Amino acid sequence: MNDGGLSTVGTLFPLLKAQGHNPRFFAYGWVGLIGAWLGNGKRAKKLKNCTSDNDVLIGHSNGCAIIARALKKGANPKRIIFIHPALNKLWEPPDSFEGIIHVYHSERDRATEVAKLTKWVPKSIWGDMGGSGAVSGHPAFINHDDGFRHSEGFEKNPELYLETL
C-alpha cells in the first residue's frame, strides 16, 4: 500500500500531538528498490537541511536508511527512533553524532531480510537490522525487541515507539 507513510509513522502523529509535540512529516511514499537507491541521497540532503540539533527523528524501514544518510551529511538530532530499519545491522553513526538511537526490531521482521540481499549494490547501507537490531556494539544504540512483523506495531501498539521520547 502506498499511502505516503500514513499507515506507519503517520499513525504516531496524533499521539505525538497529544503529548504536546509539534511533529513534522517528511513523507516520500513507497518508491521501490531502484527508486530508493536513486533518490535516497536527495531525500537525505533535504532531511538534513530541515533538521535541528534538538529534533527527534523517527524512521521506519527505508526511512531509517534516509536518516542514516542524513547523519553522514551532517544532521545531528538529539535522538533517533529506528522502527524495523532496512539498514545493515553493522551500520554505525558517524563519529560526530552525539545522540541516542533506539532500534525497534524483531526476528519476525522478514521484510528487512530482503534488504540484506542488496549488499552487492554499490554504496548500499541496507540490511536486516529490522530483524536483528543493531549488532555493532556502538554505544549510541539501544535495541528493543518489539516482537512485531515489519509494520505490524503501528496497528497493534504504536504507543510503544514513543516510550523512549
Protein backbone atom coordinates (compact mmCIF):
# COMPACT_ATOMS: atom_id res chain seq x y z
CA MET A 1 0.00 0.00 0.00
CA ASN A 2 1.42 3.38 -0.96
CA ASP A 3 -0.18 5.88 1.39
CA GLY A 4 2.90 8.07 1.92
CA GLY A 5 3.54 6.61 5.37
CA LEU A 6 0.12 7.39 6.84
CA SER A 7 -0.39 3.80 8.00
CA THR A 8 3.09 3.58 9.55
CA VAL A 9 4.86 6.63 11.02
CA GLY A 10 1.77 8.70 10.24
CA THR A 11 -0.10 6.80 12.97
CA LEU A 12 2.27 8.38 15.51
CA PHE A 13 1.23 11.97 14.69
CA PRO A 14 -1.95 12.13 16.80
CA LEU A 15 -0.07 10.50 19.68
CA LEU A 16 2.82 12.98 19.39
CA LYS A 17 0.43 15.93 19.26
CA ALA A 18 -1.44 14.62 22.32
CA GLN A 19 1.90 14.57 24.17
CA GLY A 20 2.48 18.23 23.28
CA HIS A 21 4.97 17.71 20.46
CA ASN A 22 4.88 19.54 17.15
CA PRO A 23 5.67 16.77 14.63
CA ARG A 24 6.64 17.41 11.04
CA PHE A 25 6.10 14.74 8.45
CA PHE A 26 8.81 14.00 5.90
CA ALA A 27 6.92 11.73 3.51
CA TYR A 28 8.12 10.27 0.26
CA GLY A 29 5.96 7.15 -0.11
CA TRP A 30 6.97 3.73 -1.29
CA VAL A 31 9.40 4.08 -4.19
CA GLY A 32 10.75 0.55 -4.70
CA LEU A 33 14.35 -0.60 -4.60
CA ILE A 34 15.55 1.34 -7.65
CA GLY A 35 13.69 4.50 -6.60
CA ALA A 36 15.19 4.29 -3.13
CA TRP A 37 18.68 3.62 -4.45
CA LEU A 38 18.50 6.55 -6.85
CA GLY A 39 16.66 9.00 -4.61
CA ASN A 40 17.71 8.42 -1.01
CA GLY A 41 20.70 10.75 -1.31
CA LYS A 42 18.46 13.67 -2.30
CA ARG A 43 15.95 12.77 0.39
CA ALA A 44 18.74 12.64 2.98
CA LYS A 45 20.03 16.06 1.94
CA LYS A 46 16.52 17.52 2.21
CA LEU A 47 16.07 15.93 5.66
CA LYS A 48 19.47 17.19 6.85
CA ASN A 49 18.57 20.72 5.75
CA CYS A 50 15.37 20.76 7.81
CA THR A 51 16.74 19.05 10.95
CA SER A 52 17.95 20.87 14.06
CA ASP A 53 20.08 19.62 16.94
CA ASN A 54 17.04 19.40 19.25
CA ASP A 55 14.98 17.23 16.93
CA VAL A 56 13.97 13.63 17.38
CA LEU A 57 13.89 11.75 14.10
CA ILE A 58 11.58 8.75 13.74
CA GLY A 59 12.02 6.47 10.76
CA HIS A 60 10.62 3.18 9.56
CA SER A 61 12.23 0.74 7.12
CA ASN A 62 13.88 2.69 4.29
CA GLY A 63 13.18 5.92 6.21
CA CYS A 64 15.91 4.76 8.61
CA ALA A 65 18.34 4.49 5.69
CA ILE A 66 17.46 8.07 4.75
CA ILE A 67 18.10 9.21 8.32
CA ALA A 68 21.43 7.33 8.33
CA ARG A 69 22.49 9.14 5.16
CA ALA A 70 21.33 12.50 6.61
CA LEU A 71 23.62 11.85 9.61
CA LYS A 72 26.52 11.26 7.23
CA LYS A 73 25.69 14.60 5.59
CA GLY A 74 25.88 16.39 8.96
CA ALA A 75 22.44 16.13 10.60
CA ASN A 76 22.86 15.82 14.37
CA PRO A 77 19.49 15.28 16.09
CA LYS A 78 19.45 14.58 19.81
CA ARG A 79 17.63 11.27 19.41
CA ILE A 80 16.61 8.84 16.70
CA ILE A 81 13.98 6.14 16.74
CA PHE A 82 14.51 3.45 14.11
CA ILE A 83 11.47 1.21 13.67
CA HIS A 84 12.32 -2.00 11.84
CA PRO A 85 15.17 -0.38 9.92
CA ALA A 86 16.18 -1.61 6.48
CA LEU A 87 19.80 -0.96 7.43
CA ASN A 88 22.88 -3.14 7.64
CA LYS A 89 22.93 -4.45 11.22
CA LEU A 90 26.62 -3.42 11.46
CA TRP A 91 25.94 0.19 10.36
CA GLU A 92 27.21 2.82 12.80
CA PRO A 93 26.52 6.54 13.03
CA PRO A 94 29.33 8.95 12.18
CA ASP A 95 31.72 9.97 14.98
CA SER A 96 30.11 13.43 15.04
CA PHE A 97 26.76 12.00 16.21
CA GLU A 98 26.31 12.51 19.96
CA GLY A 99 22.73 11.31 20.45
CA ILE A 100 20.97 8.05 21.12
CA ILE A 101 19.44 5.67 18.60
CA HIS A 102 16.60 3.43 19.73
CA VAL A 103 16.22 0.45 17.39
CA TYR A 104 12.91 -1.43 17.40
CA HIS A 105 13.31 -4.83 15.76
CA SER A 106 12.01 -8.38 15.80
CA GLU A 107 13.09 -11.71 14.39
CA ARG A 108 9.56 -11.80 12.94
CA ASP A 109 10.51 -8.97 10.55
CA ARG A 110 11.02 -10.78 7.26
CA ALA A 111 10.77 -7.66 5.07
CA THR A 112 14.25 -6.45 6.01
CA GLU A 113 15.66 -9.91 5.25
CA VAL A 114 15.27 -8.95 1.59
CA ALA A 115 17.23 -5.73 2.17
CA LYS A 116 20.37 -7.66 3.11
CA LEU A 117 20.43 -9.04 -0.44
CA THR A 118 21.44 -5.55 -1.59
CA LYS A 119 24.96 -5.96 -0.22
CA TRP A 120 26.12 -6.10 -3.84
CA VAL A 121 24.53 -2.73 -4.65
CA PRO A 122 27.24 -0.02 -4.71
CA LYS A 123 27.18 2.31 -1.67
CA SER A 124 24.25 0.40 -0.15
CA ILE A 125 23.71 0.60 3.60
CA TRP A 126 20.56 -1.53 3.51
CA GLY A 127 20.30 -4.68 5.51
CA ASP A 128 18.30 -6.61 8.08
CA MET A 129 18.69 -4.51 11.25
CA GLY A 130 14.89 -4.67 11.49
CA GLY A 131 15.17 -8.39 12.17
CA SER A 132 18.22 -8.43 14.41
CA GLY A 133 18.67 -4.99 15.93
CA ALA A 134 21.98 -3.13 15.78
CA VAL A 135 24.84 -5.54 16.48
CA SER A 136 27.92 -3.33 16.09
CA GLY A 137 28.19 -2.57 19.81
CA HIS A 138 28.25 1.20 19.18
CA PRO A 139 27.22 2.99 22.42
CA ALA A 140 24.57 5.14 20.67
CA PHE A 141 22.35 2.10 20.08
CA ILE A 142 19.67 0.81 22.41
CA ASN A 143 17.88 -2.22 20.99
CA HIS A 144 14.23 -3.03 21.73
CA ASP A 145 12.69 -6.32 20.56
CA ASP A 146 9.06 -5.38 19.92
CA GLY A 147 8.01 -8.83 18.68
CA PHE A 148 6.16 -7.45 15.65
CA ARG A 149 6.41 -8.04 11.93
CA HIS A 150 7.74 -5.22 9.75
CA SER A 151 4.84 -2.72 10.06
CA GLU A 152 2.57 -4.58 12.47
CA GLY A 153 3.38 -2.49 15.54
CA PHE A 154 1.87 0.64 14.05
CA GLU A 155 -1.52 -1.06 14.09
CA LYS A 156 -1.21 -3.07 17.29
CA ASN A 157 0.76 -0.82 19.67
CA PRO A 158 2.03 2.48 18.18
CA GLU A 159 2.43 3.97 21.68
CA LEU A 160 5.35 1.58 22.21
CA TYR A 161 7.51 3.56 19.78
CA LEU A 162 7.07 6.79 21.72
CA GLU A 163 8.06 5.43 25.14
CA THR A 164 11.67 6.43 24.53
CA LEU A 165 10.99 10.12 23.81
